[in-house]
């Protein structure tokens, strides 16, 4: 009978420890996102500036720059304007 009680205690111990670990608050910080740096021209200077953003930020910046380029060139279909050359 003693062996059965000891065996039962040993079998439930890992489950109790897992349950305690699962309910413990997470103290780890989320991983910082890696920055990607680019060299950009600065108006009025011969020096280039180093600009760093995350990958998602660069995707948004590139998309905005592409929209502005299409708008300036008159090829923006969202406004209904098209350039006639």
Protein backbone atom coordinates (compact mmCIF):
# COMPACT_ATOMS: atom_id res chain seq x y z
CA UNK A 1 0.00 0.00 0.00
CA UNK A 2 2.86 2.39 0.79
CA UNK A 3 4.30 1.83 -2.66
CA UNK A 4 0.99 2.71 -4.26
CA UNK A 5 0.76 5.99 -2.29
CA UNK A 6 4.35 6.90 -3.15
CA UNK A 7 3.76 6.06 -6.80
CA UNK A 8 0.59 8.15 -6.88
CA UNK A 9 2.41 11.08 -5.27
CA UNK A 10 5.25 10.86 -7.78
CA UNK A 11 2.82 10.75 -10.69
CA UNK A 12 0.89 13.84 -9.58
CA UNK A 13 3.96 15.91 -8.68
CA UNK A 14 4.93 16.78 -12.31
CA UNK A 15 1.31 17.73 -13.07
CA UNK A 16 1.17 20.02 -10.05
CA UNK A 17 4.48 21.67 -10.98
CA UNK A 18 3.32 22.14 -14.59
CA UNK A 19 0.04 23.69 -13.47
CA UNK A 20 1.90 26.07 -11.19
CA UNK A 21 4.33 27.06 -13.95
CA UNK A 22 1.49 27.54 -16.43
CA UNK A 23 -0.34 29.96 -14.15
CA UNK A 24 2.77 31.94 -13.18
CA UNK A 25 2.89 35.40 -14.78
CA UNK A 26 5.28 35.78 -17.67
CA UNK A 27 8.23 37.93 -16.64
CA UNK A 28 9.99 37.73 -19.99
CA UNK A 29 9.87 40.78 -22.20
CA UNK A 30 8.78 40.28 -25.79
CA UNK A 31 11.69 40.05 -28.18
CA UNK A 32 12.71 43.43 -29.55
CA UNK A 33 12.22 43.70 -33.25
CA UNK A 34 15.41 44.10 -35.25
CA UNK A 35 15.99 47.51 -36.80
CA UNK A 36 16.97 47.85 -40.45
CA UNK A 37 19.08 50.89 -41.30
CA UNK A 38 19.30 52.66 -44.67
CA UNK A 39 21.40 55.56 -45.92
CA UNK A 40 19.29 58.43 -47.24
CA UNK A 41 20.26 61.62 -49.03
CA UNK A 42 19.81 64.87 -47.12
CA UNK A 43 18.79 67.93 -49.10
CA UNK A 44 21.45 70.61 -48.93
CA UNK A 45 24.18 68.32 -47.67
CA UNK A 46 26.81 66.07 -49.19
CA UNK A 47 26.48 63.75 -46.21
CA UNK A 48 23.98 60.94 -46.09
CA UNK A 49 21.82 60.27 -43.04
CA UNK A 50 21.40 56.86 -41.45
CA UNK A 51 17.72 56.10 -40.87
CA UNK A 52 16.64 52.99 -38.91
CA UNK A 53 13.15 51.43 -38.71
CA UNK A 54 11.63 47.99 -38.23
CA UNK A 55 10.70 45.85 -41.23
CA UNK A 56 6.98 46.71 -40.89
CA UNK A 57 7.76 50.42 -40.68
CA UNK A 58 9.88 50.22 -43.86
CA UNK A 59 7.03 48.44 -45.67
CA UNK A 60 4.66 51.28 -44.69
CA UNK A 61 7.19 53.97 -45.64
CA UNK A 62 7.87 52.34 -49.03
CA UNK A 63 4.14 52.00 -49.73
CA UNK A 64 3.53 55.65 -48.85
CA UNK A 65 6.46 56.73 -51.07
CA UNK A 66 5.07 54.66 -53.95
CA UNK A 67 1.61 56.25 -53.51
CA UNK A 68 3.16 59.72 -53.50
CA UNK A 69 5.18 58.96 -56.63
CA UNK A 70 2.07 57.71 -58.47
CA UNK A 71 0.12 60.78 -57.33
CA UNK A 72 2.85 63.17 -58.47
CA UNK A 73 3.18 61.43 -61.82
CA UNK A 74 -0.58 61.59 -62.30
CA UNK A 75 -1.14 57.86 -62.26
CA UNK A 76 -3.14 57.65 -59.08
CA UNK A 77 -6.31 55.73 -59.85
CA UNK A 78 -7.77 56.35 -56.38
CA UNK A 79 -8.42 60.03 -57.15
CA UNK A 80 -9.63 59.46 -60.67
CA UNK A 81 -6.95 61.82 -62.00
CA UNK A 82 -4.70 60.71 -64.82
CA UNK A 83 -2.14 62.86 -66.50
CA UNK A 84 -2.58 63.61 -70.19
CA UNK A 85 0.72 64.20 -71.89
